[in-house]
Protein backbone atom coordinates (compact mmCIF):
# COMPACT_ATOMS: atom_id res chain seq x y z
CA MET A 1 28.04 22.92 -19.26
CA THR A 2 25.66 24.38 -16.70
CA SER A 3 27.48 25.67 -13.64
CA PHE A 4 26.88 23.95 -10.32
CA SER A 5 28.26 23.79 -6.80
CA PHE A 6 28.76 20.98 -4.29
CA SER A 7 29.46 21.29 -0.56
CA THR A 8 30.06 18.70 2.11
CA VAL A 9 31.75 18.23 5.47
CA PRO A 10 35.52 18.83 5.68
CA HIS A 11 36.30 15.59 7.53
CA VAL A 12 34.72 12.13 7.61
CA ARG A 13 36.06 9.24 9.69
CA VAL A 14 34.81 5.68 9.22
CA GLY A 15 35.61 2.67 11.36
CA ALA A 16 34.31 0.36 14.08
CA GLY A 17 34.98 1.76 17.55
CA LEU A 18 35.74 5.31 16.42
CA ALA A 19 33.10 6.76 18.73
CA ARG A 20 35.46 5.94 21.58
CA THR A 21 37.97 8.41 20.12
CA LEU A 22 35.65 11.41 20.46
CA GLY A 23 37.85 12.80 23.23
CA ASP A 24 40.71 13.01 20.74
CA GLU A 25 38.43 14.81 18.27
CA CYS A 26 37.61 17.36 20.96
CA LEU A 27 41.30 18.04 21.53
CA LYS A 28 41.89 18.51 17.81
CA LEU A 29 39.07 21.06 17.66
CA GLY A 30 40.21 22.89 20.78
CA VAL A 31 37.13 21.80 22.74
CA SER A 32 37.49 21.22 26.48
CA ARG A 33 33.86 21.57 27.71
CA PRO A 34 31.66 19.73 25.18
CA LEU A 35 27.93 19.19 25.24
CA LEU A 36 26.91 15.64 24.27
CA VAL A 37 23.44 15.57 22.71
CA THR A 38 21.61 12.24 22.62
CA ASP A 39 18.37 10.55 23.66
CA ASN A 40 17.38 8.56 26.72
CA GLY A 41 16.77 5.40 24.70
CA LEU A 42 20.43 5.18 23.71
CA VAL A 43 21.44 5.90 27.30
CA SER A 44 19.21 3.02 28.47
CA LEU A 45 20.76 0.68 25.91
CA GLY A 46 24.21 1.40 27.34
CA LEU A 47 25.55 2.91 24.12
CA ILE A 48 26.33 6.32 25.55
CA ALA A 49 28.25 5.46 28.75
CA PRO A 50 31.48 4.26 27.07
CA VAL A 51 31.38 7.18 24.63
CA ALA A 52 30.85 9.69 27.42
CA GLN A 53 33.65 8.15 29.45
CA ALA A 54 36.05 8.42 26.50
CA ILE A 55 35.17 12.10 26.09
CA ALA A 56 35.39 12.87 29.81
CA GLU A 57 38.87 11.35 30.03
CA GLN A 58 40.20 13.90 27.55
CA CYS A 59 38.16 17.00 28.46
CA ALA A 60 37.96 19.30 31.46
CA SER A 61 34.22 18.69 31.73
CA LEU A 62 31.39 16.97 29.89
CA THR A 63 27.74 17.95 29.90
CA VAL A 64 25.18 15.43 28.65
CA PHE A 65 21.74 16.37 27.34
CA ASP A 66 19.68 13.21 26.77
CA GLY A 67 16.26 14.82 26.39
CA VAL A 68 15.99 14.58 22.60
CA THR A 69 12.72 13.12 21.34
CA ALA A 70 11.64 12.00 17.88
CA ASP A 71 10.72 14.96 15.68
CA PRO A 72 12.24 17.35 18.23
CA SER A 73 10.17 20.38 19.11
CA GLU A 74 11.31 23.93 19.69
CA SER A 75 10.98 23.27 23.43
CA VAL A 76 13.51 20.41 23.17
CA VAL A 77 15.94 22.69 21.34
CA GLU A 78 15.45 25.41 23.95
CA ALA A 79 16.00 22.90 26.77
CA ALA A 80 19.27 21.71 25.22
CA TYR A 81 20.33 25.30 24.64
CA ALA A 82 19.62 26.17 28.29
CA VAL A 83 21.80 23.27 29.47
CA ALA A 84 24.56 24.34 27.10
CA ARG A 85 24.47 27.94 28.35
CA GLU A 86 24.43 26.91 32.00
CA SER A 87 27.53 24.75 31.50
CA ASP A 88 29.25 27.30 29.24
CA VAL A 89 30.11 24.60 26.73
CA ASP A 90 32.62 25.30 23.99
CA GLY A 91 31.69 22.53 21.55
CA VAL A 92 28.77 20.25 20.64
CA ILE A 93 28.75 16.51 19.90
CA ALA A 94 25.71 14.49 18.84
CA VAL A 95 25.54 10.72 19.15
CA GLY A 96 22.17 9.50 17.93
CA GLY A 97 19.68 9.58 15.12
CA GLY A 98 18.68 12.49 12.95
CA SER A 99 16.76 14.15 15.78
CA SER A 100 19.80 14.36 18.05
CA MET A 101 21.99 15.61 15.23
CA ASP A 102 19.44 18.26 14.24
CA VAL A 103 19.22 19.55 17.81
CA ALA A 104 23.01 19.63 18.10
CA LYS A 105 23.34 21.62 14.87
CA VAL A 106 20.93 24.30 16.03
CA VAL A 107 22.38 24.53 19.54
CA SER A 108 25.89 24.98 18.12
CA VAL A 109 24.62 28.09 16.33
CA LEU A 110 22.44 29.41 19.16
CA MET A 111 25.44 29.37 21.49
CA LYS A 112 26.90 32.24 19.45
CA GLY A 113 23.93 34.33 20.59
CA GLU A 114 23.48 36.19 17.32
CA ARG A 115 20.04 34.95 16.23
CA LEU A 116 16.91 33.38 17.72
CA LEU A 117 15.69 29.98 16.52
CA VAL A 118 12.54 31.46 15.01
CA ASP A 119 14.64 33.74 12.81
CA MET A 120 16.69 30.86 11.35
CA TYR A 121 13.90 28.94 9.62
CA GLY A 122 14.21 28.83 5.85
CA VAL A 123 17.21 28.85 3.56
CA ASP A 124 20.42 30.69 4.43
CA GLN A 125 19.00 32.54 7.43
CA VAL A 126 21.76 31.40 9.81
CA PRO A 127 24.48 33.93 10.68
CA PRO A 128 28.11 32.87 10.19
CA GLY A 129 29.78 31.10 13.09
CA ARG A 130 28.92 28.30 15.51
CA LEU A 131 30.66 26.19 18.13
CA PRO A 132 32.79 23.26 16.92
CA LEU A 133 30.44 20.43 15.93
CA VAL A 134 30.92 16.66 15.65
CA LEU A 135 28.09 14.36 14.51
CA VAL A 136 27.96 10.59 15.05
CA PRO A 137 24.91 8.74 13.65
CA THR A 138 23.49 5.65 15.33
CA THR A 139 21.11 4.86 12.45
CA ALA A 140 21.77 4.36 8.73
CA GLY A 141 19.05 6.57 7.41
CA THR A 142 18.86 10.32 7.80
CA GLY A 143 22.31 11.30 6.56
CA SER A 144 22.00 14.29 8.88
CA GLU A 145 25.69 14.02 9.75
CA VAL A 146 26.53 15.45 6.31
CA THR A 147 23.56 17.70 5.55
CA PRO A 148 23.16 21.44 6.18
CA VAL A 149 19.58 21.01 7.38
CA ALA A 150 17.84 20.67 10.76
CA VAL A 151 14.11 19.94 10.90
CA ILE A 152 12.26 21.17 13.98
CA THR A 153 8.64 20.64 15.04
CA THR A 154 7.16 24.12 15.36
CA GLY A 155 3.62 23.35 16.50
CA ALA A 156 1.19 20.55 17.19
CA THR A 157 1.28 19.37 13.57
CA THR A 158 3.86 21.51 11.77
CA LYS A 159 7.59 21.32 11.05
CA ALA A 160 10.09 23.82 9.66
CA GLY A 161 13.61 23.46 8.35
CA VAL A 162 16.75 25.41 9.06
CA SER A 163 18.94 25.13 5.95
CA SER A 164 22.41 26.63 5.86
CA ALA A 165 25.96 25.49 5.14
CA VAL A 166 26.81 26.76 8.63
CA LEU A 167 25.13 23.59 9.97
CA LEU A 168 27.62 21.25 8.26
CA PRO A 169 29.74 19.76 11.06
CA ASP A 170 33.50 19.90 11.39
CA VAL A 171 33.69 16.11 11.59
CA ALA A 172 31.30 13.24 10.83
CA ILE A 173 32.14 9.87 12.38
CA LEU A 174 30.63 6.60 11.15
CA ASP A 175 30.99 3.82 13.72
CA ALA A 176 29.00 0.72 12.73
CA GLU A 177 29.25 -0.69 16.27
CA LEU A 178 26.69 1.92 17.34
CA THR A 179 24.09 0.50 14.91
CA LEU A 180 24.31 -3.17 15.95
CA GLY A 181 21.45 -2.97 18.42
CA LEU A 182 19.03 -1.24 16.06
CA PRO A 183 15.67 -3.08 15.96
CA ALA A 184 14.61 -4.59 12.63
CA SER A 185 11.75 -2.11 12.17
CA ALA A 186 14.05 0.88 12.71
CA THR A 187 16.66 -0.67 10.42
CA ALA A 188 14.05 -1.04 7.67
CA MET A 189 12.57 2.43 8.11
CA THR A 190 15.89 4.23 8.17
CA GLY A 191 17.29 2.18 5.31
CA ILE A 192 14.31 2.97 3.08
CA ASP A 193 14.55 6.61 4.17
CA ALA A 194 18.12 6.72 2.90
CA MET A 195 17.09 5.14 -0.40
CA VAL A 196 14.43 7.82 -0.83
CA HIS A 197 17.16 10.43 -0.32
CA ALA A 198 19.21 8.85 -3.12
CA ILE A 199 16.26 8.51 -5.51
CA GLU A 200 14.96 12.03 -4.94
CA ALA A 201 18.43 13.58 -5.21
CA TYR A 202 19.00 11.78 -8.52
CA THR A 203 15.74 13.15 -9.93
CA SER A 204 15.84 16.58 -8.23
CA LYS A 205 14.66 19.24 -10.68
CA LEU A 206 16.76 22.28 -9.83
CA LYS A 207 20.20 21.36 -8.48
CA LYS A 208 20.95 17.83 -9.69
CA ASN A 209 24.58 17.73 -10.82
CA PRO A 210 27.29 15.20 -11.77
CA ILE A 211 28.73 15.00 -8.23
CA SER A 212 25.38 14.56 -6.50
CA ASP A 213 24.47 11.95 -9.14
CA MET A 214 27.63 9.99 -8.37
CA PHE A 215 26.86 9.96 -4.65
CA ALA A 216 23.19 9.07 -5.21
CA LEU A 217 23.96 6.09 -7.44
CA ARG A 218 26.65 4.72 -5.13
CA ALA A 219 24.33 5.24 -2.16
CA LEU A 220 21.51 3.27 -3.72
CA ARG A 221 23.88 0.42 -4.65
CA LEU A 222 25.28 0.14 -1.11
CA LEU A 223 21.87 0.42 0.55
CA SER A 224 19.99 -1.93 -1.76
CA HIS A 225 22.73 -4.59 -1.70
CA ASN A 226 22.94 -4.64 2.10
CA ILE A 227 19.50 -3.91 3.56
CA ASN A 228 18.27 -7.49 3.44
CA ARG A 229 21.54 -8.64 4.99
CA VAL A 230 21.22 -6.32 8.00
CA LEU A 231 17.57 -7.31 8.42
CA THR A 232 18.35 -11.04 8.46
CA GLN A 233 21.87 -10.90 9.97
CA PRO A 234 21.75 -7.81 12.22
CA ALA A 235 25.19 -8.49 13.76
CA ASP A 236 26.98 -8.31 10.38
CA LEU A 237 29.31 -5.38 11.05
CA ALA A 238 30.49 -5.07 7.44
CA ALA A 239 26.91 -4.83 6.17
CA ARG A 240 26.07 -2.30 8.89
CA GLU A 241 29.03 -0.18 7.84
CA ALA A 242 27.97 -0.40 4.20
CA MET A 243 24.52 0.88 5.20
CA LEU A 244 26.09 3.78 7.10
CA LEU A 245 28.21 4.66 4.08
CA GLY A 246 25.19 4.44 1.79
CA SER A 247 23.19 6.66 4.12
CA MET A 248 26.01 9.21 4.25
CA PHE A 249 26.45 9.21 0.46
CA ALA A 250 22.70 9.74 0.06
CA GLY A 251 22.92 12.59 2.56
CA GLN A 252 25.76 14.18 0.60
CA ALA A 253 23.68 13.84 -2.56
CA PHE A 254 20.49 15.42 -1.25
CA ALA A 255 22.36 18.09 0.68
CA ASN A 256 23.22 19.46 -2.76
CA ALA A 257 20.34 18.20 -4.93
CA PRO A 258 17.38 18.56 -2.54
CA VAL A 259 14.61 16.05 -1.93
CA ALA A 260 11.12 16.61 -3.24
CA ALA A 261 7.54 15.33 -3.16
CA VAL A 262 8.05 12.14 -1.14
CA HIS A 263 9.40 14.20 1.75
CA ALA A 264 6.91 17.04 1.26
CA LEU A 265 3.99 14.61 1.55
CA ALA A 266 5.64 12.66 4.37
CA TYR A 267 5.98 15.65 6.70
CA PRO A 268 2.22 16.08 7.34
CA LEU A 269 2.00 12.38 8.23
CA GLY A 270 4.60 12.91 10.92
CA GLY A 271 2.97 16.10 12.13
CA HIS A 272 -0.60 14.79 12.42
CA TYR A 273 -0.03 11.10 13.12
CA HIS A 274 3.47 11.03 14.61
CA ILE A 275 4.46 8.41 12.08
CA PRO A 276 8.26 8.01 12.12
CA HIS A 277 9.94 9.92 9.31
CA GLY A 278 11.41 6.87 7.60
CA LEU A 279 8.05 5.08 7.63
CA SER A 280 6.19 8.11 6.29
CA ASN A 281 8.66 8.27 3.40
CA SER A 282 8.22 4.54 2.78
CA LEU A 283 4.44 4.97 2.72
CA MET A 284 4.55 7.76 0.12
CA LEU A 285 7.36 6.39 -2.07
CA PRO A 286 5.41 4.04 -4.40
CA SER A 287 2.71 6.55 -5.34
CA VAL A 288 5.19 9.39 -5.91
CA LEU A 289 7.47 7.13 -7.97
CA ALA A 290 4.55 6.33 -10.28
CA PHE A 291 3.50 10.00 -10.43
CA ASN A 292 6.97 11.18 -11.44
CA ALA A 293 7.82 8.28 -13.77
CA PRO A 294 6.71 9.86 -17.08
CA ALA A 295 9.17 12.73 -16.57
CA VAL A 296 12.18 10.70 -15.39
CA GLN A 297 12.10 7.42 -17.29
CA GLN A 298 15.82 7.54 -18.05
CA GLU A 299 16.84 8.44 -14.49
CA TYR A 300 14.68 5.66 -13.04
CA GLY A 301 16.30 3.18 -15.39
CA GLU A 302 19.76 4.33 -14.32
CA LEU A 303 18.78 3.94 -10.67
CA ALA A 304 17.35 0.49 -11.33
CA ALA A 305 20.71 -0.57 -12.75
CA GLU A 306 22.21 -0.21 -9.25
CA LEU A 307 19.79 -2.66 -7.62
CA PRO A 308 20.63 -6.29 -6.77
CA GLY A 309 19.17 -9.22 -8.61
CA ASN A 310 17.70 -9.44 -12.08
CA VAL A 311 15.97 -6.05 -12.04
CA ALA A 312 14.79 -4.53 -15.32
CA GLN A 313 16.73 -1.32 -15.96
CA SER A 314 13.57 0.74 -16.34
CA ALA A 315 11.11 2.81 -14.36
CA ALA A 316 8.96 -0.28 -13.94
CA GLY A 317 11.97 -2.19 -12.61
CA LEU A 318 12.72 0.45 -9.99
CA MET A 319 9.11 0.76 -8.87
CA THR A 320 8.56 -3.00 -8.68
CA TRP A 321 11.74 -3.52 -6.64
CA CYS A 322 10.90 -0.73 -4.17
CA SER A 323 7.36 -2.03 -3.64
CA ALA A 324 8.69 -5.56 -3.07
CA LEU A 325 11.21 -4.30 -0.51
CA ILE A 326 8.51 -2.44 1.41
CA ALA A 327 6.26 -5.51 1.37
CA ALA A 328 9.09 -7.76 2.61
CA SER A 329 10.24 -5.34 5.31
CA GLY A 330 7.28 -5.95 7.58
CA LEU A 331 6.39 -2.25 7.60
CA PRO A 332 2.84 -1.05 6.89
CA ALA A 333 2.48 -0.71 3.13
CA THR A 334 -0.51 1.66 2.98
CA LEU A 335 -1.71 4.73 4.84
CA GLU A 336 -4.79 2.74 5.84
CA ALA A 337 -2.58 0.07 7.44
CA ALA A 338 -0.63 2.83 9.23
CA GLY A 339 -3.83 4.11 10.85
CA VAL A 340 -4.42 7.22 8.73
CA ALA A 341 -8.10 8.15 8.47
CA ALA A 342 -9.42 8.50 4.92
CA ASN A 343 -11.31 11.69 5.76
CA ASP A 344 -8.01 13.32 6.81
CA LEU A 345 -6.50 13.05 3.34
CA PRO A 346 -7.72 16.49 2.13
CA MET A 347 -6.22 18.08 5.24
CA LEU A 348 -2.90 16.33 4.60
CA ALA A 349 -2.90 17.53 0.99
CA ALA A 350 -3.48 21.11 2.09
CA ASP A 351 -0.66 20.87 4.64
CA ALA A 352 1.71 19.41 2.06
CA MET A 353 1.36 22.60 0.03
CA LEU A 354 3.22 24.40 2.83
CA GLN A 355 6.36 22.45 1.85
CA GLN A 356 7.16 24.51 -1.25
CA ARG A 357 10.86 24.45 -0.28
CA LEU A 358 10.74 20.77 -1.25
CA LEU A 359 8.00 20.68 -3.86
CA VAL A 360 9.88 23.01 -6.21
CA ASN A 361 12.48 20.22 -6.61
CA ASN A 362 10.00 17.63 -7.85
CA PRO A 363 10.33 16.69 -11.53
CA VAL A 364 6.53 16.99 -11.93
CA GLU A 365 4.51 19.88 -10.49
CA VAL A 366 2.49 18.91 -7.42
CA THR A 367 -0.77 20.81 -6.87
CA GLU A 368 -3.11 20.36 -3.94
CA ALA A 369 -5.39 18.28 -6.17
CA SER A 370 -2.56 15.99 -7.29
CA ALA A 371 -1.29 15.75 -3.70
CA LEU A 372 -4.73 14.50 -2.66
CA LYS A 373 -4.63 11.86 -5.40
CA LEU A 374 -1.19 10.77 -4.22
CA TYR A 375 -2.44 10.39 -0.65
CA GLU A 376 -5.50 8.48 -1.90
CA LYS A 377 -3.25 6.10 -3.86
CA ALA A 378 -0.98 5.65 -0.83
CA TRP A 379 -4.02 5.02 1.38
CA SER A 380 -5.44 2.21 -0.72
CA GLY A 381 -2.23 0.83 -2.20
């Protein structure tokens, strides 16, 4: 057998209402002055107040940073870091989507003062050590609560990743109550995002292994069997929890068997058009599935076997089901419908070539010319 490795978080807790026990988690980790990282939208929805109160009741002090934005920039990270330094925090908690969790990961490392953010981009560039870290997702999509990656916007149109096992949190908490108010569009985008994680991990070229495969298959089953339920019955707590579990399993899969061309081609869409990450993945998924299909017929068939309904256990079955889900979700199905200009496609293809960290994992080589064809296919549908 070929040797492989698999890493994940040391502790996962799952259950409705567990976010209100975050104060207890702080005590277990020896944290008395935590920083809570979140976004203003969740504060406005009233999701953060009860969580913050539960933390404050157990800790000497609580500092809240709610300035996280979608696709957080270096300036957002620096602002959170400045607040953390000023309050001399001794632990970091994130309650939010992938953006909040990514910011929290980086701040927990920066607080050790051993390396600048700019020096941490890439793979394994993070020095050992960080503050205690607890991550609590409010969407079932990114899987960031169990991945060793933080993606930061580095310029007007560019992103970079920090990838290191140091970023894995001490505890991940899945509380489905926090996802009940998620709008249908966000539910669809994040759910499809998680499915892309599972599909790309299962077909990843370099580090796919039996453990990541197990997580990817179980993730796709949970996500595909529950996404329509949460879209039509958004208050179904059991279905919401199943989506969170599926998202986490997909995160555990791609944390070890990295994602590939769908994500590499999605990043420029976010950078240039500020298209949400889950939607940009949804837009690129059908064309990349077709592009990769000749090389991964068996894997696509095995993935299709996890889907609900009478789906053919073949590459065609997987591709047809995914396209039907996107069409039924109400999300834009083409780059044209998402407002992407046709004359920008060559620029997007050139930018995608900067994502070699991801492209090397694709089962079929992606050149700039083939990337352009993929964007053209995604533009016209």
